[in-house]
Protein backbone atom coordinates (compact mmCIF):
# COMPACT_ATOMS: atom_id res chain seq x y z
CA MET A 1 32.61 76.85 -117.98
CA LEU A 2 32.80 73.16 -118.83
CA LEU A 3 30.14 70.71 -119.96
CA GLU A 4 29.90 67.17 -121.30
CA VAL A 5 28.05 66.19 -124.46
CA ALA A 6 27.63 62.83 -126.20
CA THR A 7 29.73 62.60 -129.36
CA ASP A 8 26.68 61.44 -131.34
CA ASN A 9 24.63 64.51 -130.34
CA ALA A 10 25.46 66.59 -133.43
CA GLU A 11 22.71 69.14 -132.78
CA ALA A 12 23.98 69.96 -129.27
CA ILE A 13 27.62 70.04 -130.39
CA SER A 14 26.73 72.45 -133.19
CA PHE A 15 24.78 74.63 -130.74
CA TYR A 16 27.66 74.83 -128.27
CA LEU A 17 30.28 75.47 -130.98
CA GLY A 18 28.06 78.28 -132.25
CA HIS A 19 28.07 79.80 -128.77
CA GLY A 20 31.83 79.91 -128.40
CA PHE A 21 32.53 76.52 -126.81
CA LYS A 22 35.52 74.46 -127.94
CA ILE A 23 36.09 70.71 -127.66
CA VAL A 24 38.62 70.22 -124.89
CA VAL A 25 38.88 66.45 -124.52
CA PHE A 26 37.35 63.16 -125.73
CA ILE A 27 36.21 60.63 -123.10
CA LYS A 28 35.61 57.06 -124.28
CA GLY A 29 32.68 55.31 -122.57
CA TYR A 30 31.68 58.35 -120.50
CA TYR A 31 27.98 57.47 -120.47
CA TYR A 32 27.42 54.10 -118.76
CA GLY A 33 30.66 52.77 -120.23
CA ILE A 34 29.02 52.72 -123.66
CA LYS A 35 28.64 56.19 -125.18
CA ASP A 36 31.57 58.50 -125.76
CA ALA A 37 31.56 62.17 -124.82
CA TYR A 38 33.34 65.42 -125.42
CA VAL A 39 34.15 67.85 -122.67
CA MET A 40 33.54 71.29 -124.09
CA GLY A 41 34.64 74.55 -122.55
CA ARG A 42 34.24 78.27 -122.83
CA ILE A 43 35.77 81.13 -120.89
CA LEU A 44 32.99 83.32 -119.59
CA GLY A 45 33.58 87.05 -119.69
CA SER A 46 32.37 89.36 -117.02
CA LYS A 47 29.74 91.92 -117.93
CA ARG A 48 29.42 95.23 -116.19
CA VAL A 49 26.08 95.72 -114.55
CA SER A 50 24.79 99.25 -114.15
CA ILE A 51 23.22 100.00 -110.79
CA HIS A 52 21.81 103.26 -112.16
CA GLY A 53 19.21 101.61 -114.41
């Protein structure tokens, strides 16, 4: 899973890092050519779902 987050959004970055995301790449001027962003990613694991309740 990938997402973008503004580099000045420390609260969101901290949240995503705490949930297993890593910074993948830096994009200068991503938001309206002004604000920079990080692309963050996490590999999602599959969970077994029981059909027997």
